[in-house]
Structure formats: C-alpha cells, structure tokens
C-alpha cells in the first residue's frame, strides 16, 4: 500500500508492474499491449517522461503518471509546470 495514512491510499494486488520507458520509441500496439497486460495482471503502468497518451488510458489499467522531470506531459511552452495541464491529466 502506498500512502496508508492518506485520504485515498493506493493498493495493488500485483508485485509486478510496468516501469517507465520511452513509449515514444515503441509502437502504438506495443503500448496498448503493455497497458492491457497491466490491467489483466492487476498491476500498473508508469507513463515515464513522455506524458500520458490515449494508449495508456484505453485499457483502464492503473497509472503512475510521472511528472518529476517530464518535459512534455505537464509543462507549458516555457518549460514551467502547468497547473492547467495537471488538471487535465487528473480529469482522466
């Protein structure tokens, strides 16, 4: 369990999950296959620095949305963290 003392702790049934990787370097079918595999296994998939795509979302698996160093996912054109983009991701 992650955040057992939070209002909404996260728990997963899988000890195997899909770590962040350069999803831009692999094909749409590959991202879809990984996403569906995560859903079937009860695990999660890390979006890595490339941001969130519709292919990550299609299966309905749990996601770890990586924003720490992300250049494309939640930053504005000046490279600053964008509250608006964060809200859009949270809405998914």
Protein backbone atom coordinates (compact mmCIF):
# COMPACT_ATOMS: atom_id res chain seq x y z
CA UNK A 1 0.00 0.00 0.00
CA UNK A 2 1.22 3.46 -0.90
CA UNK A 3 0.17 6.26 1.43
CA UNK A 4 -1.58 4.22 4.14
CA UNK A 5 -2.27 7.38 6.13
CA UNK A 6 -3.59 9.42 3.18
CA UNK A 7 -7.25 10.10 2.49
CA UNK A 8 -7.05 7.87 -0.60
CA UNK A 9 -4.29 5.28 -0.17
CA UNK A 10 -3.34 3.19 -3.20
CA UNK A 11 -3.20 -0.57 -3.08
CA UNK A 12 -2.42 -3.04 -5.84
CA UNK A 13 -2.71 -6.79 -5.99
CA UNK A 14 0.39 -7.21 -8.16
CA UNK A 15 4.02 -7.12 -7.16
CA UNK A 16 4.94 -6.95 -10.86
CA UNK A 17 4.28 -3.67 -12.62
CA UNK A 18 5.47 -1.91 -15.77
CA UNK A 19 8.15 0.68 -15.17
CA UNK A 20 8.63 3.88 -17.12
CA UNK A 21 10.24 3.57 -20.52
CA UNK A 22 10.45 5.60 -23.68
CA UNK A 23 6.97 4.90 -25.02
CA UNK A 24 7.63 7.24 -27.92
CA UNK A 25 10.23 4.76 -29.14
CA UNK A 26 7.80 1.84 -29.35
CA UNK A 27 4.69 1.38 -31.44
CA UNK A 28 1.04 2.06 -30.62
CA UNK A 29 0.29 -1.70 -30.49
CA UNK A 30 3.15 -2.20 -28.04
CA UNK A 31 1.87 0.47 -25.63
CA UNK A 32 -1.65 -0.95 -25.93
CA UNK A 33 -0.38 -4.48 -25.23
CA UNK A 34 1.52 -3.33 -22.15
CA UNK A 35 -1.47 -1.37 -20.91
CA UNK A 36 -3.85 -4.32 -21.38
CA UNK A 37 -1.33 -6.63 -19.72
CA UNK A 38 -1.18 -4.31 -16.71
CA UNK A 39 -4.97 -4.33 -16.48
CA UNK A 40 -5.21 -8.12 -16.69
CA UNK A 41 -2.49 -8.63 -14.09
CA UNK A 42 -3.91 -6.10 -11.63
CA UNK A 43 -0.74 -4.03 -11.88
CA UNK A 44 0.03 -0.52 -13.01
CA UNK A 45 2.00 1.15 -15.78
CA UNK A 46 4.34 4.13 -15.36
CA UNK A 47 3.91 6.71 -18.15
CA UNK A 48 7.54 7.90 -17.93
CA UNK A 49 8.58 11.37 -19.07
CA UNK A 50 6.74 11.34 -22.39
CA UNK A 51 3.43 12.14 -20.80
CA UNK A 52 0.07 10.45 -20.87
CA UNK A 53 -1.34 9.12 -24.14
CA UNK A 54 -4.70 7.70 -25.11
CA UNK A 55 -2.96 4.34 -25.49
CA UNK A 56 -2.13 4.32 -21.79
CA UNK A 57 -5.75 5.07 -20.94
CA UNK A 58 -7.55 2.69 -23.29
CA UNK A 59 -7.33 -0.43 -21.10
CA UNK A 60 -8.37 1.26 -17.86
CA UNK A 61 -5.31 -0.02 -16.00
CA UNK A 62 -3.90 1.86 -13.02
CA UNK A 63 -1.36 4.52 -13.98
CA UNK A 64 1.62 6.13 -12.34
CA UNK A 65 1.86 9.45 -14.11
CA UNK A 66 5.47 10.59 -13.96
CA UNK A 67 5.86 14.36 -13.69
CA UNK A 68 9.16 14.80 -11.85
CA UNK A 69 11.35 15.54 -14.86
CA UNK A 70 8.78 15.38 -17.62
CA UNK A 71 9.39 17.73 -20.49
CA UNK A 72 6.23 17.06 -22.49
CA UNK A 73 3.44 15.95 -20.22
CA UNK A 74 2.62 18.83 -17.87
CA UNK A 75 4.87 21.74 -18.76
CA UNK A 76 4.00 24.89 -20.67
CA UNK A 77 5.94 26.25 -23.67
CA UNK A 78 8.37 27.99 -21.31
CA UNK A 79 9.14 24.70 -19.57
CA UNK A 80 7.31 25.60 -16.37
CA UNK A 81 4.94 23.26 -14.57
CA UNK A 82 1.42 23.93 -15.85
CA UNK A 83 -1.45 23.72 -13.36
CA UNK A 84 -3.87 23.58 -16.30
CA UNK A 85 -2.18 20.53 -17.81
CA UNK A 86 -2.06 18.84 -14.40
CA UNK A 87 -5.82 19.37 -14.06
CA UNK A 88 -6.40 17.84 -17.48
CA UNK A 89 -4.41 14.73 -16.53
CA UNK A 90 -6.21 14.45 -13.18
CA UNK A 91 -9.55 14.52 -15.00
CA UNK A 92 -8.66 11.22 -16.70
